[in-house]
Amino acid sequence: MENSHSQCIFKNAKDFLTANNALIYQVVVAILSIAFLYKILFNRKNITKRAKRDIGISPASNGTGQKIDCVNPATGKSMGIVNSLKPDEVKTCLEAAQKAQVEWGQTTFDERRQILQDFIDMFIKHENELVEASMRDTGKTRFEAMFGEILTSCEKLRYLIQNGEKALKTEDRIVPMLMGTKSARLEYHPLGVIGIIIPWNYPIHSIISAAAAAIFAGNAALVKVSEWSTHSKILFEHLLRKVLSNRGYDPNLIQILPGMGETGEALVRSGVDKILFIGSPGTGKRVMKAASDSLTPVILELGGKDPMIVFDDVELDWALAIVQRGCFINLGQNCISSERVFVHEKIYDQFCKQMADKINSLKQGPPEEGHFDFGSMTMPAQVDKVEHLVGTAIKEGATLLAGGKRNPAYPKGNYFLPTVLANVTENMTIFQEEAFGPVCSIIKFSDEHDLIRKANGTAFGLGCSILSSDIKRAERIGSKISTGMLTINDYGASYLIQDLPFGGCKESGFGRFNGPEGLRGFSREVSILTDRFGIKTPVPRLIRYPIDPASVGIIRQAIYMIYQRGIVNKLRAALNFTSQVIKNPKLLL
């Protein structure tokens, strides 16, 4: 019956479209024409036509410091040498950025949107080159480079284009009746030059994500890249400079600084107006200490040991797919990687077996040599750390179900097999220390109270994911987790919701990027109070020097009249206030 009813509705709709296709066509054309005319007549963009500039050479490309041998971590082959910047050369970069920012800070939001749209066009046009540059720098697969570098970057730019101005729009603020002749507002002004220090896991996206937000807020950006993923900066900086110079802007607005720790410290101490640091808690503390000498404000996005909680009411295949992504995307080299997987005891054994079976069936190898599920890790020392943590966990009682060692098929690259550990407990080293690698540590739970205690039982508080068919329970548990970000029935999806701020608590850092909060974090908040409707506020004798002795009594009664509880008390104060004003009328003139 229902099927025939649906067919009847479909037939009626088809008949209507067939009989009225000419009318529908005319309506569509009319709507598009009106939209087009509106855009031309009423939505003109505030953009000044500028002459193209010479792309020039970035001051960040003139380093004479320590040589960085850029090695492909998947093959062990050198891709070339890049020179680090010395402290005085960082200062030169800052001076060029300050000069570029003075001009850029006067641009309109329409002009800034135009540049960001050009960046999107650049990503699309040069997608293959950028993907392969990231693959060579990091060892990640083509899928991970496409998803983590191109898609996320385009979405960040799209968000800024569509919503950035709203986040930085002047806000009217409430004025009390006592100050009724005044108006108040909050404005967001450019800070100047933002110093940005990024890690090696997403060398393309980490640059544009922070730099685009910085310049949309009217700043210049100096981005210090990791010595472990430096080579891609050559291509990417050239493309950024080309976009800026083609539109007539100073290409030194965004500079990408190569170097070791000395270069990063020089950037922090150089005189930039704010620092965004993304990296480990240990280095973050050193950045904060160096910045404190000049009271340079900092945003710190540090490590994580995120819990992924799986309840027994989930569909197992669905949950396994999410957990695999949480643990192994980019080989676990994510600050929000699901490093601790809490699974309810009722499904624990089945979950562990199916997770291990899936991981053991997947392939790892050099991404440039074929299609693989996993590539290599990026940093040799990180492979050593993962190997140590896994080995220690096994000695401490964990059960190895998959991986657990370097991939013997590729001894020249930084390969560690995706690893599954069962029977992990809170007393083990791997429960507490960030692995930042391809390890799924599975912990059994039964009691919610004990689960919350264990989930909060590390020094970190970046993200948390909860998988359950009971949304109310997931919300209840999530509200008790010490975290900066909570995701229910997914993993990592909040990063694609660019309107949400990104950041954590405890040793995972403070401050936020992404969302309105991230843009405002790159701005100088200016509170402005002025006369309303041009009415100049008189200065009564009451508050002029020398102070009249009767002023205190009048102010006291005004306080009682406005702030005291109870209508009787307010009326009494009003009468006393009136009485004292009548006795001293000159004080209100």
Protein backbone atom coordinates (compact mmCIF):
# COMPACT_ATOMS: atom_id res chain seq x y z
CA MET A 1 0.00 0.00 0.00
CA GLU A 2 2.78 2.39 0.99
CA ASN A 3 4.75 1.50 -2.14
CA SER A 4 1.81 2.28 -4.48
CA HIS A 5 1.19 5.55 -2.60
CA SER A 6 4.84 6.58 -3.11
CA GLN A 7 4.62 5.69 -6.81
CA CYS A 8 1.49 7.83 -7.13
CA ILE A 9 3.23 10.83 -5.55
CA PHE A 10 6.25 10.35 -7.81
CA LYS A 11 3.99 10.13 -10.93
CA ASN A 12 2.11 13.30 -9.98
CA ALA A 13 5.36 15.19 -9.44
CA LYS A 14 6.70 13.94 -12.77
CA ASP A 15 3.53 14.97 -14.59
CA PHE A 16 3.67 18.44 -13.00
CA LEU A 17 7.31 18.96 -14.03
CA THR A 18 6.58 17.75 -17.58
CA ALA A 19 3.54 20.00 -18.00
CA ASN A 20 5.19 23.09 -16.55
CA ASN A 21 8.84 22.78 -17.57
CA ALA A 22 8.74 26.04 -19.55
CA LEU A 23 7.31 27.94 -16.57
CA ILE A 24 9.84 26.41 -14.18
CA TYR A 25 12.66 27.37 -16.55
CA GLN A 26 11.42 30.98 -16.67
CA VAL A 27 11.19 31.16 -12.85
CA VAL A 28 14.73 29.82 -12.43
CA VAL A 29 16.11 32.30 -15.00
CA ALA A 30 14.27 35.16 -13.27
CA ILE A 31 15.67 34.23 -9.85
CA LEU A 32 19.22 33.95 -11.20
CA SER A 33 18.87 37.27 -13.03
CA ILE A 34 17.66 39.05 -9.89
CA ALA A 35 20.54 37.54 -7.88
CA PHE A 36 23.02 38.63 -10.55
CA LEU A 37 21.67 42.20 -10.67
CA TYR A 38 21.67 42.43 -6.87
CA LYS A 39 25.29 41.36 -6.76
CA ILE A 40 26.27 43.98 -9.34
CA LEU A 41 24.20 46.89 -8.00
CA PHE A 42 24.09 46.38 -4.25
CA ASN A 43 26.95 44.10 -3.31
CA ARG A 44 29.94 45.88 -4.74
CA LYS A 45 33.21 44.94 -3.15
CA ASN A 46 35.48 47.51 -1.56
CA ILE A 47 38.65 46.58 -3.46
CA THR A 48 41.34 48.94 -4.68
CA LYS A 49 43.01 47.96 -7.97
CA ARG A 50 46.76 47.63 -7.38
CA ALA A 51 49.63 47.22 -9.76
CA LYS A 52 51.47 43.91 -9.64
CA ARG A 53 54.69 43.78 -7.66
CA ASP A 54 57.90 41.92 -8.21
CA ILE A 55 57.78 38.60 -6.37
CA GLY A 56 61.35 39.14 -5.21
CA ILE A 57 63.25 36.83 -2.87
CA SER A 58 62.02 36.21 0.65
CA PRO A 59 64.37 37.38 3.41
CA ALA A 60 63.67 33.95 4.94
CA SER A 61 65.48 32.34 1.99
CA ASN A 62 68.76 34.13 2.70
CA GLY A 63 69.87 32.11 5.70
CA THR A 64 73.56 31.52 6.38
CA GLY A 65 73.15 29.38 9.50
CA GLN A 66 73.31 25.66 10.14
CA LYS A 67 72.58 23.50 7.11
CA ILE A 68 69.43 21.37 7.19
CA ASP A 69 69.66 18.16 5.17
CA CYS A 70 66.09 17.58 4.02
CA VAL A 71 65.65 13.80 3.99
CA ASN A 72 62.60 11.94 2.70
CA PRO A 73 61.64 9.85 5.77
CA ALA A 74 60.00 7.17 3.63
CA THR A 75 63.12 6.49 1.55
CA GLY A 76 66.04 7.93 3.51
CA LYS A 77 67.12 9.92 0.44
CA SER A 78 68.25 13.55 0.66
CA MET A 79 66.13 16.10 -1.19
CA GLY A 80 68.54 19.00 -0.76
CA ILE A 81 70.04 21.46 1.71
CA VAL A 82 68.30 24.47 3.25
CA ASN A 83 70.18 26.97 5.42
CA SER A 84 68.85 27.91 8.84
CA LEU A 85 68.33 31.55 9.76
CA LYS A 86 70.60 33.12 12.35
CA PRO A 87 69.11 35.45 15.00
CA ASP A 88 70.13 38.62 13.12
CA GLU A 89 68.55 37.21 9.96
CA VAL A 90 65.31 36.56 11.85
CA LYS A 91 65.39 40.23 12.83
CA THR A 92 65.70 41.17 9.15
CA CYS A 93 62.63 39.06 8.39
CA LEU A 94 60.73 40.85 11.16
CA GLU A 95 61.62 44.29 9.79
CA ALA A 96 60.40 43.28 6.33
CA ALA A 97 57.18 41.87 7.82
CA GLN A 98 56.57 45.04 9.85
CA LYS A 99 56.90 47.13 6.72
CA ALA A 100 54.47 44.89 4.82
CA GLN A 101 51.99 44.93 7.71
CA VAL A 102 51.72 48.72 7.85
CA GLU A 103 50.25 48.70 4.35
CA TRP A 104 48.27 45.49 4.76
CA GLY A 105 46.70 46.66 8.03
CA GLN A 106 44.83 49.35 6.07
CA THR A 107 43.17 46.89 3.69
CA THR A 108 39.44 46.23 3.70
CA PHE A 109 37.90 42.87 4.51
CA ASP A 110 36.93 42.56 0.84
CA GLU A 111 40.60 42.83 -0.12
CA ARG A 112 41.57 40.24 2.46
CA ARG A 113 38.84 37.88 1.26
CA GLN A 114 40.12 38.27 -2.29
CA ILE A 115 43.60 37.10 -1.25
CA LEU A 116 42.21 34.13 0.67
CA GLN A 117 40.13 33.11 -2.33
CA ASP A 118 43.28 33.33 -4.43
CA PHE A 119 44.91 30.97 -1.92
CA ILE A 120 42.08 28.47 -2.45
CA ASP A 121 42.57 28.76 -6.22
CA MET A 122 46.28 28.17 -5.64
CA PHE A 123 45.59 24.99 -3.65
CA ILE A 124 43.32 23.64 -6.36
CA LYS A 125 45.66 24.53 -9.22
CA HIS A 126 48.79 23.16 -7.52
CA GLU A 127 47.11 20.38 -5.54
CA ASN A 128 49.29 17.58 -6.90
CA GLU A 129 52.54 19.47 -6.36
CA LEU A 130 51.59 20.38 -2.79
CA VAL A 131 50.43 16.86 -1.97
CA GLU A 132 53.67 15.35 -3.23
CA ALA A 133 55.76 17.97 -1.42
CA SER A 134 54.06 17.01 1.83
CA MET A 135 54.46 13.29 1.09
CA ARG A 136 58.20 13.71 0.51
CA ASP A 137 58.63 15.85 3.61
CA THR A 138 56.66 13.68 6.04
CA GLY A 139 56.33 10.16 4.61
CA LYS A 140 52.51 10.35 4.72
CA THR A 141 50.32 8.68 2.11
CA ARG A 142 48.67 10.53 -0.75
CA PHE A 143 45.27 10.17 0.94
CA GLU A 144 46.54 11.65 4.19
CA ALA A 145 48.22 14.53 2.36
CA MET A 146 45.10 15.23 0.30
CA PHE A 147 42.83 15.13 3.34
CA GLY A 148 45.12 16.68 5.95
CA GLU A 149 46.83 19.32 3.80
CA ILE A 150 44.47 20.29 0.95
CA LEU A 151 40.94 19.70 2.22
CA THR A 152 41.52 21.14 5.70
CA SER A 153 43.33 24.17 4.28
CA CYS A 154 40.60 24.97 1.76
CA GLU A 155 37.96 24.64 4.47
CA LYS A 156 39.88 26.96 6.80
CA LEU A 157 40.14 29.56 4.03
CA ARG A 158 36.46 29.17 3.10
CA TYR A 159 35.45 29.71 6.72
CA LEU A 160 37.53 32.88 7.01
CA ILE A 161 36.17 34.24 3.75
CA GLN A 162 32.55 33.70 4.78
CA ASN A 163 32.70 34.35 8.52
CA GLY A 164 35.92 36.17 9.39
CA GLU A 165 34.55 39.70 9.14
CA LYS A 166 31.64 38.83 11.43
CA ALA A 167 34.07 37.64 14.11
CA LEU A 168 36.04 40.89 13.94
CA LYS A 169 33.06 43.21 13.58
CA THR A 170 32.83 46.15 15.98
CA GLU A 171 30.56 45.25 18.90
CA ASP A 172 28.29 47.69 20.73
CA ARG A 173 28.50 47.31 24.49
CA ILE A 174 25.90 48.05 27.16
CA VAL A 175 26.11 51.40 28.95
CA PRO A 176 24.45 51.75 32.39
CA MET A 177 21.77 54.39 32.92
CA LEU A 178 24.22 56.30 35.09
CA MET A 179 26.33 56.90 31.94
CA GLY A 180 23.41 57.32 29.56
CA THR A 181 25.02 60.15 27.58
CA LYS A 182 27.87 57.83 26.51
CA SER A 183 28.11 55.05 23.93
CA ALA A 184 30.51 52.13 24.20
CA ARG A 185 31.94 49.71 21.66
CA LEU A 186 34.69 47.11 21.29
CA GLU A 187 36.92 47.10 18.22
CA TYR A 188 39.40 44.48 17.01
CA HIS A 189 42.61 46.01 15.64
CA PRO A 190 45.64 44.25 14.10
CA LEU A 191 48.39 43.35 16.55
CA GLY A 192 51.25 43.72 14.07
CA VAL A 193 53.40 40.69 13.33
CA ILE A 194 52.47 37.21 14.59
CA GLY A 195 55.28 34.73 15.22
CA ILE A 196 54.16 31.17 14.50
CA ILE A 197 56.12 28.02 15.34
CA ILE A 198 54.70 24.80 13.89
CA PRO A 199 55.56 21.08 14.09
CA TRP A 200 56.35 18.68 11.25
CA ASN A 201 53.17 16.60 10.98
CA TYR A 202 51.24 18.87 8.56
CA PRO A 203 53.83 21.19 6.99
CA ILE A 204 51.47 22.80 4.45
CA HIS A 205 48.24 23.10 6.42
CA SER A 206 49.88 24.27 9.65
CA ILE A 207 51.41 27.21 7.77
CA ILE A 208 48.29 28.40 5.98
CA SER A 209 45.90 27.72 8.87
CA ALA A 210 47.72 30.08 11.20
CA ALA A 211 49.03 32.56 8.62
CA ALA A 212 45.64 33.04 6.92
CA ALA A 213 43.96 33.82 10.24
CA ALA A 214 46.77 36.20 11.15
CA ILE A 215 46.59 38.19 7.91
CA PHE A 216 42.78 38.21 7.85
CA ALA A 217 42.99 40.01 11.20
CA GLY A 218 45.31 42.55 9.53
CA ASN A 219 48.67 41.20 10.67
CA ALA A 220 51.80 39.89 9.01
CA ALA A 221 53.00 36.34 9.75
CA LEU A 222 56.44 34.86 10.35
CA VAL A 223 56.15 31.05 10.36
CA LYS A 224 59.05 29.01 11.68
CA VAL A 225 58.81 25.48 10.25
CA SER A 226 60.27 22.31 11.71
CA GLU A 227 63.72 21.20 10.61
CA TRP A 228 62.12 17.77 9.98
CA SER A 229 59.75 19.06 7.27
CA THR A 230 61.50 22.01 5.71
CA HIS A 231 61.80 21.14 2.03
CA SER A 232 58.13 21.78 1.15
CA LYS A 233 58.53 25.37 2.32
CA ILE A 234 60.48 26.19 -0.86
CA LEU A 235 57.49 25.49 -3.13
CA PHE A 236 54.83 26.76 -0.75
CA GLU A 237 56.47 30.09 0.05
CA HIS A 238 56.96 30.76 -3.66
CA LEU A 239 53.26 30.14 -4.32
CA LEU A 240 52.18 32.39 -1.43
CA ARG A 241 54.46 35.19 -2.57
CA LYS A 242 53.17 34.87 -6.12
CA VAL A 243 49.55 35.32 -4.96
CA LEU A 244 50.38 38.39 -2.88
CA SER A 245 52.58 40.08 -5.46
CA ASN A 246 50.08 39.45 -8.29
CA ARG A 247 47.49 41.40 -6.31
CA GLY A 248 49.92 44.23 -5.64
CA TYR A 249 50.74 43.45 -2.00
CA ASP A 250 54.12 43.13 -0.37
CA PRO A 251 55.04 39.42 -0.65
CA ASN A 252 56.96 39.67 2.65
CA LEU A 253 53.60 39.70 4.44
CA ILE A 254 53.99 35.94 4.99
CA GLN A 255 57.47 34.50 5.42
CA ILE A 256 58.42 30.91 6.14
CA LEU A 257 61.50 30.65 8.34
CA PRO A 258 63.71 27.51 8.25
CA GLY A 259 65.88 26.63 11.20
CA MET A 260 66.63 24.70 14.36
CA GLY A 261 65.82 25.60 17.94
CA GLU A 262 68.07 28.67 17.77
CA THR A 263 65.89 30.13 15.01
CA GLY A 264 62.70 29.47 16.97
CA GLU A 265 64.09 31.14 20.08
CA ALA A 266 65.26 34.10 18.00
CA LEU A 267 61.73 34.48 16.62
CA VAL A 268 60.24 34.45 20.13
CA ARG A 269 62.73 37.09 21.28
CA SER A 270 62.69 39.14 18.05
CA GLY A 271 59.97 41.60 19.00
CA VAL A 272 56.94 39.99 17.32
CA ASP A 273 53.63 41.05 18.80
CA LYS A 274 52.33 37.58 19.66
CA ILE A 275 53.45 33.95 19.47
CA LEU A 276 51.47 30.88 18.47
CA PHE A 277 53.38 27.73 19.33
CA ILE A 278 52.24 24.23 18.32
CA GLY A 279 54.37 21.42 19.69
CA SER A 280 55.42 19.52 22.79
CA PRO A 281 54.79 20.69 26.38
CA GLY A 282 58.54 20.75 27.10
CA THR A 283 59.31 23.09 24.23
CA GLY A 284 56.15 25.08 24.95
CA LYS A 285 57.42 25.83 28.44
CA ARG A 286 60.71 27.10 27.02
CA VAL A 287 58.83 29.28 24.53
CA MET A 288 56.71 30.73 27.33
CA LYS A 289 59.80 31.41 29.45
CA ALA A 290 61.58 33.20 26.59
CA ALA A 291 58.46 35.20 25.75
CA SER A 292 58.10 36.29 29.37
CA ASP A 293 61.30 38.36 29.17
CA SER A 294 59.50 40.83 26.87
CA LEU A 295 55.96 39.96 28.05
CA THR A 296 55.12 38.77 24.53
CA PRO A 297 51.71 37.04 24.75
CA VAL A 298 51.57 33.40 23.68
CA ILE A 299 49.05 30.81 22.54
CA LEU A 300 50.22 27.28 23.33
CA GLU A 301 48.72 24.24 21.60
CA LEU A 302 50.67 21.38 23.11
CA GLY A 303 50.47 17.61 23.42
CA GLY A 304 47.61 15.27 24.15
CA LYS A 305 46.79 11.83 25.48
CA ASP A 306 43.20 11.84 24.31
CA PRO A 307 40.73 9.22 25.52
CA MET A 308 38.39 7.47 23.08
CA ILE A 309 35.54 5.87 25.05
CA VAL A 310 33.56 3.00 23.48
CA PHE A 311 30.37 1.86 25.23
CA ASP A 312 28.79 -1.55 24.77
CA ASP A 313 25.68 -0.23 22.99
CA VAL A 314 27.50 0.66 19.76
CA GLU A 315 27.48 -1.15 16.43
CA LEU A 316 30.93 -2.74 16.50
CA ASP A 317 32.01 -2.32 12.86
CA TRP A 318 31.06 1.37 12.99
CA ALA A 319 32.98 1.92 16.24
CA LEU A 320 36.05 0.07 14.96
CA ALA A 321 36.20 2.29 11.86
CA ILE A 322 36.16 5.44 14.00
CA VAL A 323 38.74 4.14 16.49
CA GLN A 324 41.07 3.03 13.68
CA ARG A 325 40.95 6.54 12.27
CA GLY A 326 41.46 8.08 15.70
CA CYS A 327 44.54 5.97 16.39
CA PHE A 328 46.19 5.56 13.01
CA ILE A 329 45.42 8.48 10.68
CA ASN A 330 48.75 10.11 9.80
CA LEU A 331 50.28 7.15 11.68
CA GLY A 332 49.07 8.59 14.97
CA GLN A 333 51.18 11.72 14.54
CA ASN A 334 48.38 14.02 15.65
CA CYS A 335 48.05 16.02 18.83
CA ILE A 336 44.43 14.81 19.05
CA SER A 337 45.26 11.17 18.30
CA SER A 338 43.17 8.69 20.33
CA GLU A 339 46.08 7.45 22.40
CA ARG A 340 43.94 5.71 25.05
CA VAL A 341 40.97 3.62 23.92
CA PHE A 342 38.59 2.73 26.77
CA VAL A 343 36.30 -0.17 25.79
CA HIS A 344 33.43 -1.55 27.89
CA GLU A 345 34.15 -5.00 29.30
CA LYS A 346 31.10 -6.58 27.59
CA ILE A 347 32.59 -6.03 24.12
CA TYR A 348 36.27 -5.79 25.08
CA ASP A 349 37.56 -9.16 23.83
CA GLN A 350 35.61 -9.01 20.57
CA PHE A 351 36.72 -5.43 19.98
CA CYS A 352 40.41 -6.24 20.56
CA LYS A 353 40.32 -9.24 18.23
CA GLN A 354 38.62 -7.41 15.39
CA MET A 355 40.89 -4.38 15.77
CA ALA A 356 43.99 -6.58 15.58
CA ASP A 357 42.65 -8.55 12.61
CA LYS A 358 41.94 -5.35 10.68
CA ILE A 359 45.32 -3.73 11.41
CA ASN A 360 47.23 -6.90 10.57
CA SER A 361 45.53 -6.95 7.16
CA LEU A 362 46.62 -3.46 6.13
CA LYS A 363 49.72 -2.48 4.14
CA GLN A 364 52.56 -0.09 4.91
CA GLY A 365 55.21 1.20 2.52
CA PRO A 366 56.78 4.14 0.66
CA PRO A 367 53.84 6.27 -0.59
CA GLU A 368 55.64 7.26 -3.79
CA GLU A 369 56.08 3.62 -4.79
CA GLY A 370 52.43 2.58 -4.79
CA HIS A 371 49.16 2.56 -2.89
CA PHE A 372 49.56 1.84 0.82
CA ASP A 373 47.29 2.27 3.83
CA PHE A 374 50.17 3.70 5.87
CA GLY A 375 53.37 5.51 5.02
CA SER A 376 56.34 6.20 7.27
CA MET A 377 56.74 8.27 10.39
CA THR A 378 58.54 11.58 9.97
CA MET A 379 61.04 12.06 12.79
CA PRO A 380 63.65 9.33 13.55
CA ALA A 381 63.69 10.13 17.27
CA GLN A 382 59.92 9.68 17.40
CA VAL A 383 60.29 6.15 16.01
CA ASP A 384 62.77 5.47 18.81
CA LYS A 385 60.30 6.81 21.39
CA VAL A 386 57.38 4.72 20.10
CA GLU A 387 59.58 1.62 20.03
CA HIS A 388 60.63 2.27 23.64
CA LEU A 389 57.06 2.93 24.88
CA VAL A 390 55.70 -0.22 23.21
CA GLY A 391 58.54 -2.36 24.50
CA THR A 392 58.11 -0.98 28.01
CA ALA A 393 54.34 -1.57 27.89
CA ILE A 394 54.87 -5.23 26.98
CA LYS A 395 57.34 -5.63 29.86
CA GLU A 396 54.81 -3.99 32.18
CA GLY A 397 52.11 -6.51 31.24
CA ALA A 398 50.39 -5.28 28.06
CA THR A 399 49.47 -7.86 25.40
CA LEU A 400 50.76 -7.26 21.86
CA LEU A 401 48.08 -8.03 19.26
CA ALA A 402 49.54 -6.35 16.16
CA GLY A 403 52.73 -4.61 15.05
CA GLY A 404 55.02 -3.70 17.90
CA LYS A 405 58.23 -3.26 15.92
CA ARG A 406 59.93 -1.44 13.05
CA ASN A 407 58.86 -2.65 9.62
CA PRO A 408 61.69 -5.00 8.51
CA ALA A 409 60.72 -4.60 4.84
CA TYR A 410 61.87 -0.96 4.80
CA PRO A 411 65.01 -0.58 6.93
CA LYS A 412 66.05 2.74 5.27
CA GLY A 413 62.89 4.64 6.21
CA ASN A 414 61.23 5.67 9.47
CA TYR A 415 58.76 2.79 9.56
CA PHE A 416 57.06 1.47 12.67
CA LEU A 417 54.25 -1.02 12.20
CA PRO A 418 50.77 0.06 13.34
CA THR A 419 50.47 -1.47 16.79
CA VAL A 420 47.59 -2.76 18.92
CA LEU A 421 48.09 -3.29 22.65
CA ALA A 422 45.49 -4.93 24.90
CA ASN A 423 45.29 -5.14 28.69
CA VAL A 424 46.82 -1.69 29.11
CA THR A 425 46.42 -0.29 32.63
CA GLU A 426 46.78 3.11 34.23
CA ASN A 427 50.05 2.06 35.92
CA MET A 428 51.85 1.63 32.61
CA THR A 429 54.17 4.25 31.14
CA ILE A 430 52.33 4.29 27.83
CA PHE A 431 49.12 5.27 29.65
CA GLN A 432 50.73 8.52 30.78
CA GLU A 433 53.26 9.54 28.12
CA GLU A 434 52.32 10.87 24.68
CA ALA A 435 53.40 8.39 22.01
CA PHE A 436 52.65 10.51 18.94
CA GLY A 437 52.82 7.40 16.82
CA PRO A 438 50.84 4.42 15.45
CA VAL A 439 49.75 2.79 18.72
CA CYS A 440 46.24 1.76 19.80
CA SER A 441 46.31 1.18 23.58
CA ILE A 442 43.08 -0.53 24.68
CA ILE A 443 41.91 -0.27 28.30
CA LYS A 444 38.97 -2.23 29.74
CA PHE A 445 36.30 -0.46 31.84
CA SER A 446 33.02 -1.34 33.51
CA ASP A 447 32.28 1.37 36.07
CA GLU A 448 31.55 4.93 34.92
CA HIS A 449 33.08 6.54 38.01
CA ASP A 450 36.32 4.62 37.52
CA LEU A 451 36.24 5.42 33.77
CA ILE A 452 36.05 9.18 34.41
CA ARG A 453 38.87 9.00 36.96
CA LYS A 454 41.13 7.14 34.54
CA ALA A 455 40.22 9.31 31.54
CA ASN A 456 41.25 12.36 33.59
CA GLY A 457 44.31 10.59 34.97
CA THR A 458 47.01 12.22 32.84
CA ALA A 459 48.66 15.63 32.69
CA PHE A 460 46.92 16.36 29.37
CA GLY A 461 43.50 17.71 28.46
CA LEU A 462 43.24 18.35 24.73
CA GLY A 463 40.41 16.28 23.24
CA CYS A 464 38.05 13.42 24.01
CA SER A 465 35.78 11.20 21.88
CA ILE A 466 32.83 9.16 23.16
CA LEU A 467 30.99 6.49 21.13
CA SER A 468 27.53 5.50 22.41
CA SER A 469 23.95 5.10 21.23
CA ASP A 470 22.89 6.86 24.43
CA ILE A 471 23.59 10.53 23.66
CA LYS A 472 22.50 11.69 27.13
CA ARG A 473 24.99 9.33 28.74
CA ALA A 474 27.74 10.45 26.39
CA GLU A 475 27.00 14.10 27.20
CA ARG A 476 26.95 13.33 30.94
CA ILE A 477 30.28 11.50 30.87
CA GLY A 478 31.81 14.09 28.56
CA SER A 479 30.91 16.94 30.89
CA LYS A 480 33.10 15.34 33.55
CA ILE A 481 36.19 14.94 31.37
CA SER A 482 38.88 17.62 31.69
CA THR A 483 39.23 18.53 28.03
CA GLY A 484 39.18 21.45 25.65
CA MET A 485 37.23 19.57 22.97
CA LEU A 486 34.58 16.86 23.19
CA THR A 487 33.38 14.86 20.16
CA ILE A 488 30.46 12.46 20.43
CA ASN A 489 30.09 9.59 17.94
CA ASP A 490 32.97 10.70 15.73
CA TYR A 491 36.67 11.47 15.78
CA GLY A 492 38.44 14.64 14.68
CA ALA A 493 35.36 16.01 12.89
CA SER A 494 35.32 19.13 15.06
CA TYR A 495 38.46 20.34 13.27
CA LEU A 496 36.45 20.64 10.07
CA ILE A 497 33.91 22.72 11.99
CA GLN A 498 36.11 25.79 11.77
CA ASP A 499 33.66 27.85 13.79
CA LEU A 500 34.72 25.82 16.84
CA PRO A 501 37.88 26.95 18.66
CA PHE A 502 40.74 24.46 18.93
CA GLY A 503 42.76 24.04 22.10
CA GLY A 504 43.00 22.31 25.46
CA CYS A 505 43.67 22.61 29.16
CA LYS A 506 46.25 21.40 31.69
CA GLU A 507 49.56 20.56 29.95
CA SER A 508 47.83 20.61 26.58
CA GLY A 509 48.19 24.40 26.66
CA PHE A 510 45.99 27.46 26.68
CA GLY A 511 44.54 29.97 24.26
CA ARG A 512 42.69 28.99 21.11
CA PHE A 513 43.02 29.04 17.34
CA ASN A 514 40.22 28.48 14.83
CA GLY A 515 36.77 29.97 15.25
CA PRO A 516 35.98 33.57 16.22
CA GLU A 517 38.15 33.11 19.31
CA GLY A 518 41.18 32.31 17.17
CA LEU A 519 40.76 35.40 14.99
CA ARG A 520 40.24 37.61 18.02
CA GLY A 521 43.31 36.06 19.60
CA PHE A 522 45.31 37.58 16.74
CA SER A 523 43.75 41.00 17.40
CA ARG A 524 44.20 43.86 19.84
CA GLU A 525 40.94 44.50 21.64
CA VAL A 526 40.26 48.23 21.99
CA SER A 527 37.47 49.41 24.31
CA ILE A 528 36.07 52.74 23.14
CA LEU A 529 33.83 55.13 25.08
CA THR A 530 32.57 58.29 23.43
CA ASP A 531 29.75 60.85 23.58
CA ARG A 532 26.35 59.64 22.38
CA PHE A 533 24.76 61.78 19.61
CA GLY A 534 27.51 64.36 20.04
CA ILE A 535 26.24 65.33 23.51
CA LYS A 536 29.16 66.43 25.63
CA THR A 537 28.87 65.16 29.21
CA PRO A 538 29.06 68.02 31.72
CA VAL A 539 31.45 67.73 34.66
CA PRO A 540 29.40 68.59 37.80
CA ARG A 541 30.92 70.36 40.75
CA LEU A 542 30.18 67.16 42.69
CA ILE A 543 33.29 65.41 41.28
CA ARG A 544 35.55 68.41 40.66
CA TYR A 545 38.59 69.32 42.71
CA PRO A 546 38.67 70.61 45.35
CA ILE A 547 36.08 68.11 46.59
CA ASP A 548 33.14 69.61 48.49
CA PRO A 549 32.51 67.86 51.88
CA ALA A 550 28.84 67.35 50.96
CA SER A 551 29.77 65.26 47.90
CA VAL A 552 30.32 62.08 49.91
CA GLY A 553 26.79 62.13 51.33
CA ILE A 554 25.18 62.68 47.94
CA ILE A 555 27.18 59.86 46.34
CA ARG A 556 26.36 57.56 49.28
CA GLN A 557 22.62 58.07 48.82
CA ALA A 558 22.96 57.58 45.04
CA ILE A 559 24.67 54.22 45.69
CA TYR A 560 21.90 53.17 48.10
CA MET A 561 19.21 54.32 45.66
CA ILE A 562 20.64 52.31 42.72
CA TYR A 563 22.12 49.20 44.31
CA GLN A 564 20.41 48.55 47.65
CA ARG A 565 17.87 45.72 47.90
CA GLY A 566 14.18 46.39 48.51
CA ILE A 567 11.83 49.05 47.19
CA VAL A 568 11.43 50.68 50.63
CA ASN A 569 15.19 51.10 51.00
CA LYS A 570 15.45 52.51 47.49
CA LEU A 571 12.65 55.04 48.14
CA ARG A 572 14.24 56.08 51.42
CA ALA A 573 17.58 56.62 49.67
CA ALA A 574 15.86 58.57 46.88
CA LEU A 575 14.28 60.93 49.43
CA ASN A 576 17.62 61.40 51.20
CA PHE A 577 19.35 61.98 47.89
CA THR A 578 16.78 64.61 46.87
CA SER A 579 17.05 66.29 50.26
CA GLN A 580 20.84 66.60 50.04
CA VAL A 581 20.72 67.85 46.45
CA ILE A 582 18.21 70.55 47.45
CA LYS A 583 20.59 71.63 50.20
CA ASN A 584 23.57 71.70 47.81
CA PRO A 585 22.19 72.43 44.31
CA LYS A 586 25.47 73.91 43.11
CA LEU A 587 27.14 70.49 43.28
CA LEU A 588 25.14 69.19 40.29
CA LEU A 589 25.99 72.18 38.09
